Amino acid sequence: MRLHLAVLAAVALLSGCATHKVTLTSDQLVAAEKAGISEERIASLEAKPLYKMTPAEVGDYVTYAHEAYPDLRERIVHLGRKNIGQPYELYLLGEFPYETYDSQPLYCLDKSDCVVFSEHTYAMALSDSWESFFWTLQRIRYRDGVIGVASRNHYTEADWNKSNTWLVTDVSGLVAGDAAATYKQKVNRAAFLKKRYKIERDIPVETITETYVPKEAVPAILDQLQSGDFVNVISGKDGGLYASHVGLVAVAEDGSRHFLHSSPPKVREQTFESYIAACEARDARNEAKGKDKAKLYGFKFLRLNDNPQVPPMPAQQVPGGG
């Protein structure tokens, strides 16, 4: 009898879950109609986060979101927030099955690291179908969109930021004004590829100079940031600074600026003040324990361009140089 009652209770619980759905607003109904997707389909997708969707569901949702959130900045924040809670896993970038140097796949929906989260959010916001999302994702992730571990944007400042100037523009110096600081970075792509992937490439060493906003100056410039802007967290030790983490700006209803990002254990949204405080507390603990760890120095901010147009991609190169 107890087992029978337990089974009935489980069935009732599952039935309740199965019948739960979101009631769409009039605006959402109009957007669903424009997208050519049924009310029932959109209601079911509104009830689940992006990271629990199938590729087909993601395709339908980005088509719908394109109509429901016509403003690109608003769409970026909406899609980013719809992934809050997505589990974090480092090194989710790879070219499999196109290449086998890195066995990670070309996309991952159920997990993310900071770069994957940002790239996926931008690519979904710029697209109106699964196919355009996947194509745009490769254009963002690789230099000129040419898929390959050697052409992936490995270095945030030297590769990602420079390759995606069609999407974002570095405004760190502009927003910081007299408070701006700089650092130099030596970029040895050939050595990196050889050490990490055993690939030989004749690429000259490059030295770049980057501008950033020191952490102490961030509170004074927050009101200049806009939803959808790209964030580089600048860390370092012994004078060697680099972008250690990335994410997006989200403006809250009260006007406060938030950091929307993927960091262990999951995607979250928090104020910049709370993020800085957490990093400083971590750095203080490391110092007290005598650990020689990188510390938070500041941020680079890259402004989302107005009406960015995804550039065309050249013909995909034949693998192996054939």
C-alpha atoms as a PDB file:
ATOM      1  CA  MET A   1       0.000   0.000   0.000  1.00  0.00           C
ATOM      2  CA  ARG A   2       2.804   2.414   0.878  1.00  0.00           C
ATOM      3  CA  LEU A   3       4.528   1.660  -2.427  1.00  0.00           C
ATOM      4  CA  HIS A   4       1.245   2.159  -4.296  1.00  0.00           C
ATOM      5  CA  LEU A   5       0.699   5.547  -2.619  1.00  0.00           C
ATOM      6  CA  ALA A   6       4.297   6.554  -3.373  1.00  0.00           C
ATOM      7  CA  VAL A   7       3.821   5.676  -7.041  1.00  0.00           C
ATOM      8  CA  LEU A   8       0.584   7.685  -7.191  1.00  0.00           C
ATOM      9  CA  ALA A   9       2.300  10.646  -5.557  1.00  0.00           C
ATOM     10  CA  ALA A  10       5.174  10.468  -8.042  1.00  0.00           C
ATOM     11  CA  VAL A  11       2.761  10.300 -10.969  1.00  0.00           C
ATOM     12  CA  ALA A  12       0.832  13.286  -9.622  1.00  0.00           C
ATOM     13  CA  LEU A  13       4.058  15.226  -9.178  1.00  0.00           C
ATOM     14  CA  LEU A  14       5.223  14.426 -12.689  1.00  0.00           C
ATOM     15  CA  SER A  15       1.810  15.289 -14.085  1.00  0.00           C
ATOM     16  CA  GLY A  16       1.936  18.632 -12.328  1.00  0.00           C
ATOM     17  CA  CYS A  17       5.357  19.332 -13.826  1.00  0.00           C
ATOM     18  CA  ALA A  18       4.191  18.286 -17.269  1.00  0.00           C
ATOM     19  CA  THR A  19       1.225  20.679 -17.202  1.00  0.00           C
ATOM     20  CA  HIS A  20       3.217  23.661 -15.897  1.00  0.00           C
ATOM     21  CA  LYS A  21       3.741  26.343 -18.504  1.00  0.00           C
ATOM     22  CA  VAL A  22       4.322  30.045 -18.816  1.00  0.00           C
ATOM     23  CA  THR A  23       1.431  32.303 -19.748  1.00  0.00           C
ATOM     24  CA  LEU A  24       2.664  34.594 -22.524  1.00  0.00           C
ATOM     25  CA  THR A  25       2.041  38.337 -22.499  1.00  0.00           C
ATOM     26  CA  SER A  26       0.404  40.040 -25.458  1.00  0.00           C
ATOM     27  CA  ASP A  27       3.815  41.275 -26.649  1.00  0.00           C
ATOM     28  CA  GLN A  28       5.235  37.771 -26.454  1.00  0.00           C
ATOM     29  CA  LEU A  29       2.285  36.405 -28.407  1.00  0.00           C
ATOM     30  CA  VAL A  30       2.869  38.979 -31.141  1.00  0.00           C
ATOM     31  CA  ALA A  31       6.588  38.101 -31.245  1.00  0.00           C
ATOM     32  CA  ALA A  32       5.791  34.385 -31.465  1.00  0.00           C
ATOM     33  CA  GLU A  33       3.414  35.036 -34.360  1.00  0.00           C
ATOM     34  CA  LYS A  34       5.998  37.141 -36.189  1.00  0.00           C
ATOM     35  CA  ALA A  35       8.567  34.391 -35.663  1.00  0.00           C
ATOM     36  CA  GLY A  36       6.141  31.808 -37.008  1.00  0.00           C
ATOM     37  CA  ILE A  37       6.375  29.676 -33.867  1.00  0.00           C
ATOM     38  CA  SER A  38       3.371  28.389 -31.948  1.00  0.00           C
ATOM     39  CA  GLU A  39       2.284  29.839 -28.626  1.00  0.00           C
ATOM     40  CA  GLU A  40       2.667  26.427 -26.994  1.00  0.00           C
ATOM     41  CA  ARG A  41       6.227  26.060 -28.238  1.00  0.00           C
ATOM     42  CA  ILE A  42       7.310  29.498 -26.982  1.00  0.00           C
ATOM     43  CA  ALA A  43       5.528  29.009 -23.655  1.00  0.00           C
ATOM     44  CA  SER A  44       7.464  25.777 -23.111  1.00  0.00           C
ATOM     45  CA  LEU A  45      10.764  27.454 -24.054  1.00  0.00           C
ATOM     46  CA  GLU A  46      10.127  30.428 -21.779  1.00  0.00           C
ATOM     47  CA  ALA A  47       9.766  27.937 -18.932  1.00  0.00           C
ATOM     48  CA  LYS A  48      13.309  26.540 -19.284  1.00  0.00           C
ATOM     49  CA  PRO A  49      16.828  28.039 -19.327  1.00  0.00           C
ATOM     50  CA  LEU A  50      18.860  28.019 -22.528  1.00  0.00           C
ATOM     51  CA  TYR A  51      21.329  25.473 -21.179  1.00  0.00           C
ATOM     52  CA  LYS A  52      18.565  22.888 -20.886  1.00  0.00           C
ATOM     53  CA  MET A  53      17.385  23.360 -24.479  1.00  0.00           C
ATOM     54  CA  THR A  54      18.162  21.168 -27.466  1.00  0.00           C
ATOM     55  CA  PRO A  55      19.781  22.751 -30.537  1.00  0.00           C
ATOM     56  CA  ALA A  56      16.379  22.778 -32.277  1.00  0.00           C
ATOM     57  CA  GLU A  57      14.833  24.558 -29.292  1.00  0.00           C
ATOM     58  CA  VAL A  58      17.670  27.074 -29.183  1.00  0.00           C
ATOM     59  CA  GLY A  59      17.096  27.739 -32.873  1.00  0.00           C
ATOM     60  CA  ASP A  60      13.421  28.469 -32.284  1.00  0.00           C
ATOM     61  CA  TYR A  61      14.156  30.603 -29.247  1.00  0.00           C
ATOM     62  CA  VAL A  62      16.711  32.845 -30.952  1.00  0.00           C
ATOM     63  CA  THR A  63      14.250  33.305 -33.829  1.00  0.00           C
ATOM     64  CA  TYR A  64      11.614  34.348 -31.317  1.00  0.00           C
ATOM     65  CA  ALA A  65      14.009  36.519 -29.264  1.00  0.00           C
ATOM     66  CA  HIS A  66      14.909  38.445 -32.403  1.00  0.00           C
ATOM     67  CA  GLU A  67      11.267  39.562 -32.574  1.00  0.00           C
ATOM     68  CA  ALA A  68      10.578  39.831 -28.837  1.00  0.00           C
ATOM     69  CA  TYR A  69      13.666  41.934 -28.084  1.00  0.00           C
ATOM     70  CA  PRO A  70      14.392  44.078 -31.153  1.00  0.00           C
ATOM     71  CA  ASP A  71      17.013  46.135 -29.301  1.00  0.00           C
ATOM     72  CA  LEU A  72      20.344  44.290 -29.540  1.00  0.00           C
ATOM     73  CA  ARG A  73      21.592  45.351 -26.111  1.00  0.00           C
ATOM     74  CA  GLU A  74      18.368  44.243 -24.456  1.00  0.00           C
ATOM     75  CA  ARG A  75      18.486  40.962 -26.380  1.00  0.00           C
ATOM     76  CA  ILE A  76      22.055  40.248 -25.269  1.00  0.00           C
ATOM     77  CA  VAL A  77      21.193  40.761 -21.616  1.00  0.00           C
ATOM     78  CA  HIS A  78      17.992  38.722 -21.895  1.00  0.00           C
ATOM     79  CA  LEU A  79      19.800  35.763 -23.472  1.00  0.00           C
ATOM     80  CA  GLY A  80      22.674  36.016 -20.997  1.00  0.00           C
ATOM     81  CA  ARG A  81      20.268  36.025 -18.070  1.00  0.00           C
ATOM     82  CA  LYS A  82      18.404  33.068 -19.548  1.00  0.00           C
ATOM     83  CA  ASN A  83      21.616  31.081 -19.008  1.00  0.00           C
ATOM     84  CA  ILE A  84      22.020  32.039 -15.340  1.00  0.00           C
ATOM     85  CA  GLY A  85      22.701  28.818 -13.451  1.00  0.00           C
ATOM     86  CA  GLN A  86      24.465  27.138 -16.382  1.00  0.00           C
ATOM     87  CA  PRO A  87      27.202  24.885 -14.912  1.00  0.00           C
ATOM     88  CA  TYR A  88      30.793  26.057 -15.360  1.00  0.00           C
ATOM     89  CA  GLU A  89      33.534  23.935 -16.905  1.00  0.00           C
ATOM     90  CA  LEU A  90      36.919  25.251 -18.008  1.00  0.00           C
ATOM     91  CA  TYR A  91      38.351  24.676 -21.501  1.00  0.00           C
ATOM     92  CA  LEU A  92      35.118  24.134 -23.416  1.00  0.00           C
ATOM     93  CA  LEU A  93      36.695  25.457 -26.609  1.00  0.00           C
ATOM     94  CA  GLY A  94      37.695  23.006 -29.294  1.00  0.00           C
ATOM     95  CA  GLU A  95      37.467  22.076 -32.964  1.00  0.00           C
ATOM     96  CA  PHE A  96      36.238  18.481 -32.754  1.00  0.00           C
ATOM     97  CA  PRO A  97      35.218  16.843 -35.058  1.00  0.00           C
ATOM     98  CA  TYR A  98      36.781  19.255 -37.579  1.00  0.00           C
ATOM     99  CA  GLU A  99      40.210  18.800 -35.942  1.00  0.00           C
ATOM    100  CA  THR A 100      41.522  16.539 -33.190  1.00  0.00           C
ATOM    101  CA  TYR A 101      44.241  18.739 -31.660  1.00  0.00           C
ATOM    102  CA  ASP A 102      41.642  19.801 -29.095  1.00  0.00           C
ATOM    103  CA  SER A 103      38.941  17.198 -28.433  1.00  0.00           C
ATOM    104  CA  GLN A 104      36.345  19.708 -27.211  1.00  0.00           C
ATOM    105  CA  PRO A 105      33.461  20.318 -29.674  1.00  0.00           C
ATOM    106  CA  LEU A 106      32.729  23.434 -31.729  1.00  0.00           C
ATOM    107  CA  TYR A 107      29.847  24.337 -29.433  1.00  0.00           C
ATOM    108  CA  CYS A 108      28.438  23.340 -26.050  1.00  0.00           C
ATOM    109  CA  LEU A 109      24.991  24.343 -24.793  1.00  0.00           C
ATOM    110  CA  ASP A 110      24.735  22.700 -21.379  1.00  0.00           C
ATOM    111  CA  LYS A 111      27.967  24.083 -19.853  1.00  0.00           C
ATOM    112  CA  SER A 112      30.221  27.093 -20.328  1.00  0.00           C
ATOM    113  CA  ASP A 113      33.388  28.822 -19.286  1.00  0.00           C
ATOM    114  CA  CYS A 114      33.706  32.606 -19.396  1.00  0.00           C
ATOM    115  CA  VAL A 115      34.649  32.815 -23.081  1.00  0.00           C
ATOM    116  CA  VAL A 116      32.085  30.246 -24.221  1.00  0.00           C
ATOM    117  CA  PHE A 117      29.322  32.050 -22.323  1.00  0.00           C
ATOM    118  CA  SER A 118      30.192  35.446 -23.820  1.00  0.00           C
ATOM    119  CA  GLU A 119      30.650  34.153 -27.368  1.00  0.00           C
ATOM    120  CA  HIS A 120      27.433  32.137 -27.304  1.00  0.00           C
ATOM    121  CA  THR A 121      25.455  35.061 -25.921  1.00  0.00           C
ATOM    122  CA  TYR A 122      26.742  37.448 -28.590  1.00  0.00           C
ATOM    123  CA  ALA A 123      26.254  34.901 -31.390  1.00  0.00           C
ATOM    124  CA  MET A 124      22.686  34.083 -30.330  1.00  0.00           C
ATOM    125  CA  ALA A 125      21.777  37.757 -30.008  1.00  0.00           C
ATOM    126  CA  LEU A 126      23.114  38.493 -33.495  1.00  0.00           C
ATOM    127  CA  SER A 127      21.236  35.572 -35.074  1.00  0.00           C
ATOM    128  CA  ASP A 128      17.680  34.595 -35.940  1.00  0.00           C
ATOM    129  CA  SER A 129      18.108  30.836 -36.416  1.00  0.00           C
ATOM    130  CA  TRP A 130      20.263  27.921 -35.276  1.00  0.00           C
ATOM    131  CA  GLU A 131      22.197  27.993 -38.547  1.00  0.00           C
ATOM    132  CA  SER A 132      23.017  31.703 -38.309  1.00  0.00           C
ATOM    133  CA  PHE A 133      23.946  31.279 -34.629  1.00  0.00           C
ATOM    134  CA  PHE A 134      26.425  28.500 -35.389  1.00  0.00           C
ATOM    135  CA  TRP A 135      27.919  30.437 -38.318  1.00  0.00           C
ATOM    136  CA  THR A 136      28.218  33.653 -36.308  1.00  0.00           C
ATOM    137  CA  LEU A 137      29.773  31.776 -33.397  1.00  0.00           C
ATOM    138  CA  GLN A 138      32.620  30.586 -35.625  1.00  0.00           C
ATOM    139  CA  ARG A 139      33.073  34.115 -37.009  1.00  0.00           C
ATOM    140  CA  ILE A 140      33.482  35.443 -33.468  1.00  0.00           C
ATOM    141  CA  ARG A 141      35.660  32.621 -32.179  1.00  0.00           C
ATOM    142  CA  TYR A 142      38.193  32.363 -35.030  1.00  0.00           C
ATOM    143  CA  ARG A 143      40.359  34.862 -36.848  1.00  0.00           C
ATOM    144  CA  ASP A 144      38.373  35.758 -39.987  1.00  0.00           C
ATOM    145  CA  GLY A 145      36.059  32.872 -39.071  1.00  0.00           C
ATOM    146  CA  VAL A 146      38.512  30.258 -40.345  1.00  0.00           C
ATOM    147  CA  ILE A 147      38.061  27.206 -38.117  1.00  0.00           C
ATOM    148  CA  GLY A 148      41.268  25.711 -36.720  1.00  0.00           C
ATOM    149  CA  VAL A 149      43.189  25.606 -33.475  1.00  0.00           C
ATOM    150  CA  ALA A 150      45.922  27.802 -34.986  1.00  0.00           C
ATOM    151  CA  SER A 151      43.417  30.477 -36.031  1.00  0.00           C
ATOM    152  CA  ARG A 152      41.379  30.452 -32.812  1.00  0.00           C
ATOM    153  CA  ASN A 153      41.399  33.702 -30.852  1.00  0.00           C
ATOM    154  CA  HIS A 154      43.485  32.363 -27.966  1.00  0.00           C
ATOM    155  CA  TYR A 155      44.787  35.637 -26.529  1.00  0.00           C
ATOM    156  CA  THR A 156      41.998  37.916 -25.295  1.00  0.00           C
ATOM    157  CA  GLU A 157      43.691  41.272 -25.861  1.00  0.00           C
ATOM    158  CA  ALA A 158      45.835  40.421 -28.891  1.00  0.00           C
ATOM    159  CA  ASP A 159      43.421  38.069 -30.685  1.00  0.00           C
ATOM    160  CA  TRP A 160      39.799  38.184 -29.520  1.00  0.00           C
ATOM    161  CA  ASN A 161      39.515  41.935 -29.033  1.00  0.00           C
ATOM    162  CA  LYS A 162      41.399  42.745 -32.230  1.00  0.00           C
ATOM    163  CA  SER A 163      39.622  40.170 -34.402  1.00  0.00           C
ATOM    164  CA  ASN A 164      36.204  41.352 -33.268  1.00  0.00           C
ATOM    165  CA  THR A 165      36.524  45.110 -33.732  1.00  0.00           C
ATOM    166  CA  TRP A 166      33.445  44.840 -35.970  1.00  0.00           C
ATOM    167  CA  LEU A 167      31.534  43.865 -32.803  1.00  0.00           C
ATOM    168  CA  VAL A 168      33.168  45.788 -29.943  1.00  0.00           C
ATOM    169  CA  THR A 169      35.480  48.796 -29.531  1.00  0.00           C
ATOM    170  CA  ASP A 170      37.928  49.258 -26.658  1.00  0.00           C
ATOM    171  CA  VAL A 171      36.797  52.311 -24.646  1.00  0.00           C
ATOM    172  CA  SER A 172      38.908  51.685 -21.535  1.00  0.00           C
ATOM    173  CA  GLY A 173      40.978  54.825 -21.985  1.00  0.00           C
ATOM    174  CA  LEU A 174      37.936  56.893 -22.891  1.00  0.00           C
ATOM    175  CA  VAL A 175      35.910  55.997 -19.802  1.00  0.00           C
ATOM    176  CA  ALA A 176      38.879  56.069 -17.408  1.00  0.00           C
ATOM    177  CA  GLY A 177      40.291  59.416 -18.525  1.00  0.00           C
ATOM    178  CA  ASP A 178      43.227  60.476 -16.341  1.00  0.00           C
ATOM    179  CA  ALA A 179      42.809  57.377 -14.194  1.00  0.00           C
ATOM    180  CA  ALA A 180      43.708  55.042 -17.075  1.00  0.00           C
ATOM    181  CA  ALA A 181      46.719  52.753 -16.713  1.00  0.00           C
ATOM    182  CA  THR A 182      48.673  50.664 -19.223  1.00  0.00           C
ATOM    183  CA  TYR A 183      50.582  47.414 -19.407  1.00  0.00           C
ATOM    184  CA  LYS A 184      52.690  45.610 -22.001  1.00  0.00           C
ATOM    185  CA  GLN A 185      52.173  42.011 -23.024  1.00  0.00           C
ATOM    186  CA  LYS A 186      54.467  39.739 -25.019  1.00  0.00           C
ATOM    187  CA  VAL A 187      52.508  37.443 -27.312  1.00  0.00           C
ATOM    188  CA  ASN A 188      54.349  34.359 -28.567  1.00  0.00           C
ATOM    189  CA  ARG A 189      51.720  32.419 -30.491  1.00  0.00           C
ATOM    190  CA  ALA A 190      54.234  30.009 -32.051  1.00  0.00           C
ATOM    191  CA  ALA A 191      55.547  28.919 -28.653  1.00  0.00           C
ATOM    192  CA  PHE A 192      52.004  28.573 -27.280  1.00  0.00           C
ATOM    193  CA  LEU A 193      50.824  26.389 -30.165  1.00  0.00           C
ATOM    194  CA  LYS A 194      53.924  24.206 -29.981  1.00  0.00           C
ATOM    195  CA  LYS A 195      53.675  23.705 -26.213  1.00  0.00           C
ATOM    196  CA  ARG A 196      49.898  23.208 -26.003  1.00  0.00           C
ATOM    197  CA  TYR A 197      49.113  21.420 -29.276  1.00  0.00           C
ATOM    198  CA  LYS A 198      52.479  20.278 -30.708  1.00  0.00           C
ATOM    199  CA  ILE A 199      51.847  22.406 -33.794  1.00  0.00           C
ATOM    200  CA  GLU A 200      54.674  24.179 -35.638  1.00  0.00           C
ATOM    201  CA  ARG A 201      53.780  27.649 -36.952  1.00  0.00           C
ATOM    202  CA  ASP A 202      56.048  30.460 -38.106  1.00  0.00           C
ATOM    203  CA  ILE A 203      54.409  33.379 -36.298  1.00  0.00           C
ATOM    204  CA  PRO A 204      56.500  36.382 -35.186  1.00  0.00           C
ATOM    205  CA  VAL A 205      56.480  37.396 -31.525  1.00  0.00           C
ATOM    206  CA  GLU A 206      54.348  40.473 -30.896  1.00  0.00           C
ATOM    207  CA  THR A 207      54.481  42.997 -28.043  1.00  0.00           C
ATOM    208  CA  ILE A 208      51.295  44.962 -27.380  1.00  0.00           C
ATOM    209  CA  THR A 209      50.444  47.853 -25.077  1.00  0.00           C
ATOM    210  CA  GLU A 210      47.007  47.797 -23.490  1.00  0.00           C
ATOM    211  CA  THR A 211      44.981  50.363 -21.550  1.00  0.00           C
ATOM    212  CA  TYR A 212      42.818  49.397 -18.590  1.00  0.00           C
ATOM    213  CA  VAL A 213      40.753  50.889 -15.772  1.00  0.00           C
ATOM    214  CA  PRO A 214      42.365  50.281 -12.361  1.00  0.00           C
ATOM    215  CA  LYS A 215      39.982  48.620  -9.908  1.00  0.00           C
ATOM    216  CA  GLU A 216      40.039  51.690  -7.656  1.00  0.00           C
ATOM    217  CA  ALA A 217      38.681  53.824 -10.500  1.00  0.00           C
ATOM    218  CA  VAL A 218      35.844  51.490 -11.504  1.00  0.00           C
ATOM    219  CA  PRO A 219      33.114  52.877  -9.182  1.00  0.00           C
ATOM    220  CA  ALA A 220      33.500  56.339 -10.733  1.00  0.00           C
ATOM    221  CA  ILE A 221      33.047  55.129 -14.317  1.00  0.00           C
ATOM    222  CA  LEU A 222      30.286  52.539 -13.949  1.00  0.00           C
ATOM    223  CA  ASP A 223      27.532  54.862 -15.168  1.00  0.00           C
ATOM    224  CA  GLN A 224      29.327  55.083 -18.534  1.00  0.00           C
ATOM    225  CA  LEU A 225      28.930  51.365 -19.191  1.00  0.00           C
ATOM    226  CA  GLN A 226      26.093  50.018 -21.329  1.00  0.00           C
ATOM    227  CA  SER A 227      24.300  46.697 -21.526  1.00  0.00           C
ATOM    228  CA  GLY A 228      26.066  44.317 -23.892  1.00  0.00           C
ATOM    229  CA  ASP A 229      29.526  45.831 -23.421  1.00  0.00           C
ATOM    230  CA  PHE A 230      32.359  43.294 -23.217  1.00  0.00           C
ATOM    231  CA  VAL A 231      34.413  43.052 -20.009  1.00  0.00           C
ATOM    232  CA  ASN A 232      38.017  41.883 -19.631  1.00  0.00           C
ATOM    233  CA  VAL A 233      39.126  41.260 -16.042  1.00  0.00           C
ATOM    234  CA  ILE A 234      42.795  42.249 -15.750  1.00  0.00           C
ATOM    235  CA  SER A 235      44.898  40.264 -13.308  1.00  0.00           C
ATOM    236  CA  GLY A 236      48.587  39.662 -12.818  1.00  0.00           C
ATOM    237  CA  LYS A 237      51.623  39.400 -10.609  1.00  0.00           C
ATOM    238  CA  ASP A 238      55.219  40.628 -10.695  1.00  0.00           C
ATOM    239  CA  GLY A 239      54.240  43.278 -13.243  1.00  0.00           C
ATOM    240  CA  GLY A 240      52.864  40.808 -15.781  1.00  0.00           C
ATOM    241  CA  LEU A 241      49.243  41.694 -16.490  1.00  0.00           C
ATOM    242  CA  TYR A 242      46.745  39.878 -18.689  1.00  0.00           C
ATOM    243  CA  ALA A 243      43.014  39.321 -19.213  1.00  0.00           C
ATOM    244  CA  SER A 244      42.179  36.423 -16.893  1.00  0.00           C
ATOM    245  CA  HIS A 245      38.391  36.435 -17.226  1.00  0.00           C
ATOM    246  CA  VAL A 246      35.664  37.906 -19.443  1.00  0.00           C
ATOM    247  CA  GLY A 247      31.948  38.645 -19.271  1.00  0.00           C
ATOM    248  CA  LEU A 248      29.233  41.129 -20.167  1.00  0.00           C
ATOM    249  CA  VAL A 249      27.727  44.298 -18.742  1.00  0.00           C
ATOM    250  CA  ALA A 250      24.054  44.198 -17.762  1.00  0.00           C
ATOM    251  CA  VAL A 251      22.241  47.344 -16.649  1.00  0.00           C
ATOM    252  CA  ALA A 252      19.671  46.546 -13.946  1.00  0.00           C
ATOM    253  CA  GLU A 253      16.247  48.161 -13.673  1.00  0.00           C
ATOM    254  CA  ASP A 254      17.545  50.520 -10.982  1.00  0.00           C
ATOM    255  CA  GLY A 255      20.355  51.654 -13.292  1.00  0.00           C
ATOM    256  CA  SER A 256      23.130  49.815 -11.460  1.00  0.00           C
ATOM    257  CA  ARG A 257      25.752  48.124 -13.600  1.00  0.00           C
ATOM    258  CA  HIS A 258      26.132  44.390 -13.191  1.00  0.00           C
ATOM    259  CA  PHE A 259      28.707  41.821 -14.280  1.00  0.00           C
ATOM    260  CA  LEU A 260      27.089  38.885 -16.116  1.00  0.00           C
ATOM    261  CA  HIS A 261      29.584  36.052 -16.435  1.00  0.00           C
ATOM    262  CA  SER A 262      30.393  32.356 -16.185  1.00  0.00           C
ATOM    263  CA  SER A 263      32.609  31.530 -13.230  1.00  0.00           C
ATOM    264  CA  PRO A 264      32.821  28.476 -10.953  1.00  0.00           C
ATOM    265  CA  PRO A 265      30.403  26.960 -10.202  1.00  0.00           C
ATOM    266  CA  LYS A 266      27.885  28.557 -12.620  1.00  0.00           C
ATOM    267  CA  VAL A 267      26.755  31.575 -14.622  1.00  0.00           C
ATOM    268  CA  ARG A 268      25.742  34.449 -12.372  1.00  0.00           C
ATOM    269  CA  GLU A 269      24.953  38.166 -12.327  1.00  0.00           C
ATOM    270  CA  GLN A 270      26.421  40.420  -9.661  1.00  0.00           C
ATOM    271  CA  THR A 271      27.352  44.032  -9.113  1.00  0.00           C
ATOM    272  CA  PHE A 272      30.863  45.110 -10.022  1.00  0.00           C
ATOM    273  CA  GLU A 273      31.305  46.219  -6.420  1.00  0.00           C
ATOM    274  CA  SER A 274      30.572  42.715  -5.122  1.00  0.00           C
ATOM    275  CA  TYR A 275      32.851  41.125  -7.721  1.00  0.00           C
ATOM    276  CA  ILE A 276      35.747  43.437  -6.828  1.00  0.00           C
ATOM    277  CA  ALA A 277      35.187  42.848  -3.109  1.00  0.00           C
ATOM    278  CA  ALA A 278      35.239  39.070  -3.602  1.00  0.00           C
ATOM    279  CA  CYS A 279      38.455  39.249  -5.621  1.00  0.00           C
ATOM    280  CA  GLU A 280      40.142  41.483  -3.051  1.00  0.00           C
ATOM    281  CA  ALA A 281      39.119  39.125  -0.240  1.00  0.00           C
ATOM    282  CA  ARG A 282      40.573  36.204  -2.218  1.00  0.00           C
ATOM    283  CA  ASP A 283      43.794  38.117  -2.858  1.00  0.00           C
ATOM    284  CA  ALA A 284      44.104  38.992   0.845  1.00  0.00           C
ATOM    285  CA  ARG A 285      43.671  35.340   1.825  1.00  0.00           C
ATOM    286  CA  ASN A 286      46.316  34.250  -0.670  1.00  0.00           C
ATOM    287  CA  GLU A 287      48.734  36.884   0.581  1.00  0.00           C
ATOM    288  CA  ALA A 288      48.128  35.926   4.220  1.00  0.00           C
ATOM    289  CA  LYS A 289      48.910  32.299   3.355  1.00  0.00           C
ATOM    290  CA  GLY A 290      52.054  33.286   1.453  1.00  0.00           C
ATOM    291  CA  LYS A 291      50.623  32.108  -1.875  1.00  0.00           C
ATOM    292  CA  ASP A 292      52.128  33.818  -4.914  1.00  0.00           C
ATOM    293  CA  LYS A 293      48.907  34.123  -6.903  1.00  0.00           C
ATOM    294  CA  ALA A 294      47.741  36.612  -9.513  1.00  0.00           C
ATOM    295  CA  LYS A 295      45.723  39.549  -8.132  1.00  0.00           C
ATOM    296  CA  LEU A 296      42.940  41.675  -9.533  1.00  0.00           C
ATOM    297  CA  TYR A 297      44.289  44.901 -11.047  1.00  0.00           C
ATOM    298  CA  GLY A 298      41.342  46.260 -12.996  1.00  0.00           C
ATOM    299  CA  PHE A 299      39.235  45.919 -16.116  1.00  0.00           C
ATOM    300  CA  LYS A 300      39.167  46.612 -19.811  1.00  0.00           C
ATOM    301  CA  PHE A 301      35.779  47.667 -21.195  1.00  0.00           C
ATOM    302  CA  LEU A 302      34.852  47.234 -24.840  1.00  0.00           C
ATOM    303  CA  ARG A 303      31.762  49.036 -26.098  1.00  0.00           C
ATOM    304  CA  LEU A 304      29.266  47.035 -28.137  1.00  0.00           C
ATOM    305  CA  ASN A 305      29.171  48.731 -31.542  1.00  0.00           C
ATOM    306  CA  ASP A 306      25.944  50.233 -32.806  1.00  0.00           C
ATOM    307  CA  ASN A 307      24.294  47.941 -35.355  1.00  0.00           C
ATOM    308  CA  PRO A 308      27.260  45.556 -35.787  1.00  0.00           C
ATOM    309  CA  GLN A 309      27.313  43.676 -39.078  1.00  0.00           C
ATOM    310  CA  VAL A 310      28.844  40.209 -39.071  1.00  0.00           C
ATOM    311  CA  PRO A 311      31.610  40.257 -41.711  1.00  0.00           C
ATOM    312  CA  PRO A 312      31.699  37.587 -44.415  1.00  0.00           C
ATOM    313  CA  MET A 313      34.095  34.699 -43.965  1.00  0.00           C
ATOM    314  CA  PRO A 314      36.681  33.619 -46.526  1.00  0.00           C
ATOM    315  CA  ALA A 315      36.490  30.108 -47.919  1.00  0.00           C
ATOM    316  CA  GLN A 316      37.360  27.527 -45.278  1.00  0.00           C
ATOM    317  CA  GLN A 317      40.930  26.382 -45.744  1.00  0.00           C
ATOM    318  CA  VAL A 318      41.694  22.773 -46.586  1.00  0.00           C
ATOM    319  CA  PRO A 319      42.891  21.101 -43.356  1.00  0.00           C
ATOM    320  CA  GLY A 320      46.554  20.228 -43.171  1.00  0.00           C
ATOM    321  CA  GLY A 321      47.551  22.869 -45.697  1.00  0.00           C
ATOM    322  CA  GLY A 322      46.425  20.785 -48.672  1.00  0.00           C
END
